[in-house]
PDB file of all heavy atoms in Angstrom:
ATOM      1  N   SER A   1      27.048-106.770  -9.897  1.00  0.00           N
ATOM      2  CA  SER A   1      26.999-106.809 -11.347  1.00  0.00           C
ATOM      3  C   SER A   1      28.337-106.322 -11.868  1.00  0.00           C
ATOM      4  O   SER A   1      29.009-105.483 -11.264  1.00  0.00           O
ATOM      5  CB  SER A   1      25.874-105.897 -11.872  1.00  0.00           C
ATOM      6  OG  SER A   1      25.973-105.737 -13.260  1.00  0.00           O
ATOM      7  N   ASP A   2      28.720-106.855 -13.038  1.00  0.00           N
ATOM      8  CA  ASP A   2      29.930-106.394 -13.725  1.00  0.00           C
ATOM      9  C   ASP A   2      29.595-105.621 -15.009  1.00  0.00           C
ATOM     10  O   ASP A   2      30.461-105.439 -15.862  1.00  0.00           O
ATOM     11  CB  ASP A   2      30.833-107.586 -14.065  1.00  0.00           C
ATOM     12  CG  ASP A   2      31.451-108.178 -12.829  1.00  0.00           C
ATOM     13  OD1 ASP A   2      31.863-107.403 -11.947  1.00  0.00           O
ATOM     14  OD2 ASP A   2      31.567-109.425 -12.737  1.00  0.00           O
ATOM     15  N   ASN A   3      28.352-105.195 -15.130  1.00  0.00           N
ATOM     16  CA  ASN A   3      27.922-104.399 -16.268  1.00  0.00           C
ATOM     17  C   ASN A   3      28.005-102.907 -15.963  1.00  0.00           C
ATOM     18  O   ASN A   3      27.786-102.496 -14.802  1.00  0.00           O
ATOM     19  CB  ASN A   3      26.508-104.750 -16.699  1.00  0.00           C
ATOM     20  CG  ASN A   3      26.409-106.177 -17.235  1.00  0.00           C
ATOM     21  OD1 ASN A   3      27.369-106.694 -17.823  1.00  0.00           O
ATOM     22  ND2 ASN A   3      25.274-106.822 -17.041  1.00  0.00           N
ATOM     23  N   LEU A   4      28.286-102.086 -16.955  1.00  0.00           N
ATOM     24  CA  LEU A   4      28.537-100.672 -16.726  1.00  0.00           C
ATOM     25  C   LEU A   4      27.791 -99.807 -17.734  1.00  0.00           C
ATOM     26  O   LEU A   4      27.818-100.068 -18.941  1.00  0.00           O
ATOM     27  CB  LEU A   4      30.049-100.401 -16.860  1.00  0.00           C
ATOM     28  CG  LEU A   4      30.495 -98.942 -16.860  1.00  0.00           C
ATOM     29  CD1 LEU A   4      30.211 -98.295 -15.522  1.00  0.00           C
ATOM     30  CD2 LEU A   4      31.995 -98.882 -17.212  1.00  0.00           C
ATOM     31  N   LEU A   5      27.129 -98.758 -17.238  1.00  0.00           N
ATOM     32  CA  LEU A   5      26.562 -97.688 -18.071  1.00  0.00           C
ATOM     33  C   LEU A   5      27.307 -96.402 -17.799  1.00  0.00           C
ATOM     34  O   LEU A   5      27.495 -96.003 -16.642  1.00  0.00           O
ATOM     35  CB  LEU A   5      25.080 -97.467 -17.730  1.00  0.00           C
ATOM     36  CG  LEU A   5      24.470 -96.173 -18.320  1.00  0.00           C
ATOM     37  CD1 LEU A   5      24.305 -96.265 -19.843  1.00  0.00           C
ATOM     38  CD2 LEU A   5      23.151 -95.802 -17.668  1.00  0.00           C
ATOM     39  N   VAL A   6      27.739 -95.738 -18.843  1.00  0.00           N
ATOM     40  CA  VAL A   6      28.295 -94.393 -18.749  1.00  0.00           C
ATOM     41  C   VAL A   6      27.300 -93.490 -19.485  1.00  0.00           C
ATOM     42  O   VAL A   6      27.087 -93.615 -20.687  1.00  0.00           O
ATOM     43  CB  VAL A   6      29.670 -94.268 -19.401  1.00  0.00           C
ATOM     44  CG1 VAL A   6      30.190 -92.813 -19.277  1.00  0.00           C
ATOM     45  CG2 VAL A   6      30.664 -95.214 -18.736  1.00  0.00           C
ATOM     46  N   TYR A   7      26.655 -92.571 -18.725  1.00  0.00           N
ATOM     47  CA  TYR A   7      25.577 -91.754 -19.254  1.00  0.00           C
ATOM     48  C   TYR A   7      26.004 -90.274 -19.261  1.00  0.00           C
ATOM     49  O   TYR A   7      26.493 -89.775 -18.261  1.00  0.00           O
ATOM     50  CB  TYR A   7      24.310 -91.919 -18.433  1.00  0.00           C
ATOM     51  CG  TYR A   7      23.137 -91.087 -18.958  1.00  0.00           C
ATOM     52  CD1 TYR A   7      22.290 -91.636 -19.922  1.00  0.00           C
ATOM     53  CD2 TYR A   7      22.882 -89.808 -18.497  1.00  0.00           C
ATOM     54  CE1 TYR A   7      21.224 -90.890 -20.412  1.00  0.00           C
ATOM     55  CE2 TYR A   7      21.824 -89.064 -18.983  1.00  0.00           C
ATOM     56  CZ  TYR A   7      21.003 -89.624 -19.945  1.00  0.00           C
ATOM     57  OH  TYR A   7      19.947 -88.910 -20.457  1.00  0.00           O
ATOM     58  N   PHE A   8      25.791 -89.608 -20.404  1.00  0.00           N
ATOM     59  CA  PHE A   8      26.132 -88.200 -20.563  1.00  0.00           C
ATOM     60  C   PHE A   8      24.849 -87.352 -20.508  1.00  0.00           C
ATOM     61  O   PHE A   8      23.923 -87.582 -21.292  1.00  0.00           O
ATOM     62  CB  PHE A   8      26.861 -87.977 -21.875  1.00  0.00           C
ATOM     63  CG  PHE A   8      28.216 -88.615 -21.938  1.00  0.00           C
ATOM     64  CD1 PHE A   8      28.372 -89.966 -22.262  1.00  0.00           C
ATOM     65  CD2 PHE A   8      29.348 -87.888 -21.630  1.00  0.00           C
ATOM     66  CE1 PHE A   8      29.612 -90.559 -22.298  1.00  0.00           C
ATOM     67  CE2 PHE A   8      30.606 -88.458 -21.657  1.00  0.00           C
ATOM     68  CZ  PHE A   8      30.730 -89.810 -21.992  1.00  0.00           C
ATOM     69  N   GLN A   9      24.821 -86.409 -19.597  1.00  0.00           N
ATOM     70  CA  GLN A   9      23.649 -85.548 -19.438  1.00  0.00           C
ATOM     71  C   GLN A   9      23.497 -84.584 -20.595  1.00  0.00           C
ATOM     72  O   GLN A   9      24.461 -84.152 -21.196  1.00  0.00           O
ATOM     73  CB  GLN A   9      23.769 -84.742 -18.131  1.00  0.00           C
ATOM     74  CG  GLN A   9      22.537 -83.890 -17.813  1.00  0.00           C
ATOM     75  CD  GLN A   9      22.793 -82.918 -16.650  1.00  0.00           C
ATOM     76  OE1 GLN A   9      23.926 -82.702 -16.236  1.00  0.00           O
ATOM     77  NE2 GLN A   9      21.737 -82.318 -16.138  1.00  0.00           N
ATOM     78  N   GLY A  10      22.247 -84.232 -20.899  1.00  0.00           N
ATOM     79  CA  GLY A  10      21.962 -83.228 -21.920  1.00  0.00           C
ATOM     80  C   GLY A  10      21.787 -81.847 -21.370  1.00  0.00           C
ATOM     81  O   GLY A  10      21.840 -81.627 -20.141  1.00  0.00           O
ATOM     82  N   GLY A  11      21.549 -80.872 -22.235  1.00  0.00           N
ATOM     83  CA  GLY A  11      21.365 -79.488 -21.851  1.00  0.00           C
ATOM     84  C   GLY A  11      21.611 -78.569 -23.036  1.00  0.00           C
ATOM     85  O   GLY A  11      21.794 -79.023 -24.165  1.00  0.00           O
ATOM     86  N   GLY A  12      21.633 -77.275 -22.794  1.00  0.00           N
ATOM     87  CA  GLY A  12      21.805 -76.292 -23.842  1.00  0.00           C
ATOM     88  C   GLY A  12      23.247 -76.133 -24.308  1.00  0.00           C
ATOM     89  O   GLY A  12      24.148 -76.797 -23.793  1.00  0.00           O
ATOM     90  N   ALA A  13      23.470 -75.220 -25.246  1.00  0.00           N
ATOM     91  CA  ALA A  13      24.815 -74.978 -25.777  1.00  0.00           C
ATOM     92  C   ALA A  13      24.932 -73.514 -26.152  1.00  0.00           C
ATOM     93  O   ALA A  13      23.948 -72.816 -26.369  1.00  0.00           O
ATOM     94  CB  ALA A  13      25.088 -75.861 -26.983  1.00  0.00           C
ATOM     95  N   CYS A  14      26.179 -73.040 -26.207  1.00  0.00           N
ATOM     96  CA  CYS A  14      26.438 -71.661 -26.643  1.00  0.00           C
ATOM     97  C   CYS A  14      27.754 -71.618 -27.355  1.00  0.00           C
ATOM     98  O   CYS A  14      28.630 -72.480 -27.162  1.00  0.00           O
ATOM     99  CB  CYS A  14      26.400 -70.678 -25.479  1.00  0.00           C
ATOM    100  SG  CYS A  14      27.858 -70.665 -24.396  1.00  0.00           S
ATOM    101  N   TRP A  15      27.909 -70.602 -28.256  1.00  0.00           N
ATOM    102  CA  TRP A  15      29.135 -70.563 -29.060  1.00  0.00           C
ATOM    103  C   TRP A  15      29.549 -69.160 -29.488  1.00  0.00           C
ATOM    104  O   TRP A  15      30.479 -68.993 -30.231  1.00  0.00           O
ATOM    105  CB  TRP A  15      28.924 -71.422 -30.334  1.00  0.00           C
ATOM    106  CG  TRP A  15      27.675 -71.032 -31.087  1.00  0.00           C
ATOM    107  CD1 TRP A  15      27.559 -70.096 -32.100  1.00  0.00           C
ATOM    108  CD2 TRP A  15      26.364 -71.571 -30.922  1.00  0.00           C
ATOM    109  NE1 TRP A  15      26.267 -70.019 -32.537  1.00  0.00           N
ATOM    110  CE2 TRP A  15      25.503 -70.922 -31.835  1.00  0.00           C
ATOM    111  CE3 TRP A  15      25.802 -72.548 -30.079  1.00  0.00           C
ATOM    112  CZ2 TRP A  15      24.126 -71.190 -31.936  1.00  0.00           C
ATOM    113  CZ3 TRP A  15      24.450 -72.804 -30.162  1.00  0.00           C
ATOM    114  CH2 TRP A  15      23.634 -72.144 -31.087  1.00  0.00           C
ATOM    115  N   ASP A  16      28.870 -68.148 -28.982  1.00  0.00           N
ATOM    116  CA  ASP A  16      29.275 -66.758 -29.331  1.00  0.00           C
ATOM    117  C   ASP A  16      28.751 -65.811 -28.248  1.00  0.00           C
ATOM    118  O   ASP A  16      28.193 -66.244 -27.253  1.00  0.00           O
ATOM    119  CB  ASP A  16      28.735 -66.367 -30.725  1.00  0.00           C
ATOM    120  CG  ASP A  16      27.214 -66.505 -30.857  1.00  0.00           C
ATOM    121  OD1 ASP A  16      26.531 -66.546 -29.798  1.00  0.00           O
ATOM    122  OD2 ASP A  16      26.716 -66.591 -31.989  1.00  0.00           O
ATOM    123  N   GLY A  17      28.984 -64.511 -28.458  1.00  0.00           N
ATOM    124  CA  GLY A  17      28.600 -63.531 -27.448  1.00  0.00           C
ATOM    125  C   GLY A  17      27.115 -63.503 -27.204  1.00  0.00           C
ATOM    126  O   GLY A  17      26.693 -63.279 -26.064  1.00  0.00           O
ATOM    127  N   PHE A  18      26.318 -63.704 -28.258  1.00  0.00           N
ATOM    128  CA  PHE A  18      24.860 -63.679 -28.061  1.00  0.00           C
ATOM    129  C   PHE A  18      24.375 -64.890 -27.271  1.00  0.00           C
ATOM    130  O   PHE A  18      23.681 -64.745 -26.287  1.00  0.00           O
ATOM    131  CB  PHE A  18      24.178 -63.611 -29.432  1.00  0.00           C
ATOM    132  CG  PHE A  18      22.666 -63.546 -29.316  1.00  0.00           C
ATOM    133  CD1 PHE A  18      22.035 -62.319 -29.093  1.00  0.00           C
ATOM    134  CD2 PHE A  18      21.888 -64.695 -29.433  1.00  0.00           C
ATOM    135  CE1 PHE A  18      20.659 -62.267 -28.994  1.00  0.00           C
ATOM    136  CE2 PHE A  18      20.504 -64.642 -29.313  1.00  0.00           C
ATOM    137  CZ  PHE A  18      19.889 -63.416 -29.096  1.00  0.00           C
ATOM    138  N   THR A  19      24.742 -66.094 -27.731  1.00  0.00           N
ATOM    139  CA  THR A  19      24.231 -67.300 -27.072  1.00  0.00           C
ATOM    140  C   THR A  19      24.814 -67.466 -25.689  1.00  0.00           C
ATOM    141  O   THR A  19      24.113 -67.782 -24.723  1.00  0.00           O
ATOM    142  CB  THR A  19      24.501 -68.555 -27.923  1.00  0.00           C
ATOM    143  OG1 THR A  19      25.910 -68.613 -28.227  1.00  0.00           O
ATOM    144  CG2 THR A  19      23.710 -68.502 -29.201  1.00  0.00           C
ATOM    145  N   CYS A  20      26.144 -67.229 -25.532  1.00  0.00           N
ATOM    146  CA  CYS A  20      26.759 -67.388 -24.199  1.00  0.00           C
ATOM    147  C   CYS A  20      26.323 -66.245 -23.279  1.00  0.00           C
ATOM    148  O   CYS A  20      26.199 -66.414 -22.082  1.00  0.00           O
ATOM    149  CB  CYS A  20      28.259 -67.461 -24.318  1.00  0.00           C
ATOM    150  SG  CYS A  20      28.868 -68.964 -25.121  1.00  0.00           S
ATOM    151  N   GLY A  21      26.136 -65.053 -23.848  1.00  0.00           N
ATOM    152  CA  GLY A  21      25.686 -63.928 -23.031  1.00  0.00           C
ATOM    153  C   GLY A  21      24.253 -64.112 -22.580  1.00  0.00           C
ATOM    154  O   GLY A  21      23.900 -63.725 -21.463  1.00  0.00           O
ATOM    155  N   SER A  22      23.429 -64.747 -23.414  1.00  0.00           N
ATOM    156  CA  SER A  22      22.031 -65.007 -23.040  1.00  0.00           C
ATOM    157  C   SER A  22      21.933 -65.891 -21.835  1.00  0.00           C
ATOM    158  O   SER A  22      21.276 -65.589 -20.853  1.00  0.00           O
ATOM    159  CB  SER A  22      21.290 -65.611 -24.217  1.00  0.00           C
ATOM    160  OG  SER A  22      21.224 -64.737 -25.311  1.00  0.00           O
ATOM    161  N   ILE A  23      22.624 -67.033 -21.887  1.00  0.00           N
ATOM    162  CA  ILE A  23      22.550 -67.932 -20.750  1.00  0.00           C
ATOM    163  C   ILE A  23      23.452 -67.517 -19.611  1.00  0.00           C
ATOM    164  O   ILE A  23      23.254 -67.919 -18.471  1.00  0.00           O
ATOM    165  CB  ILE A  23      22.871 -69.397 -21.158  1.00  0.00           C
ATOM    166  CG1 ILE A  23      24.285 -69.536 -21.719  1.00  0.00           C
ATOM    167  CG2 ILE A  23      21.872 -69.916 -22.152  1.00  0.00           C
ATOM    168  CD1 ILE A  23      24.682 -70.951 -22.057  1.00  0.00           C
ATOM    169  N   GLY A  24      24.404 -66.620 -19.940  1.00  0.00           N
ATOM    170  CA  GLY A  24      25.298 -66.097 -18.878  1.00  0.00           C
ATOM    171  C   GLY A  24      24.555 -65.303 -17.838  1.00  0.00           C
ATOM    172  O   GLY A  24      25.035 -65.138 -16.702  1.00  0.00           O
TER     173      GLY A  24
END
């Protein structure tokens, strides 16, 4: 095949000491 899918995986996010520290 010459067709292409580029797929981006999902998941959580963090942006400060609380959120990044929580998942850290």
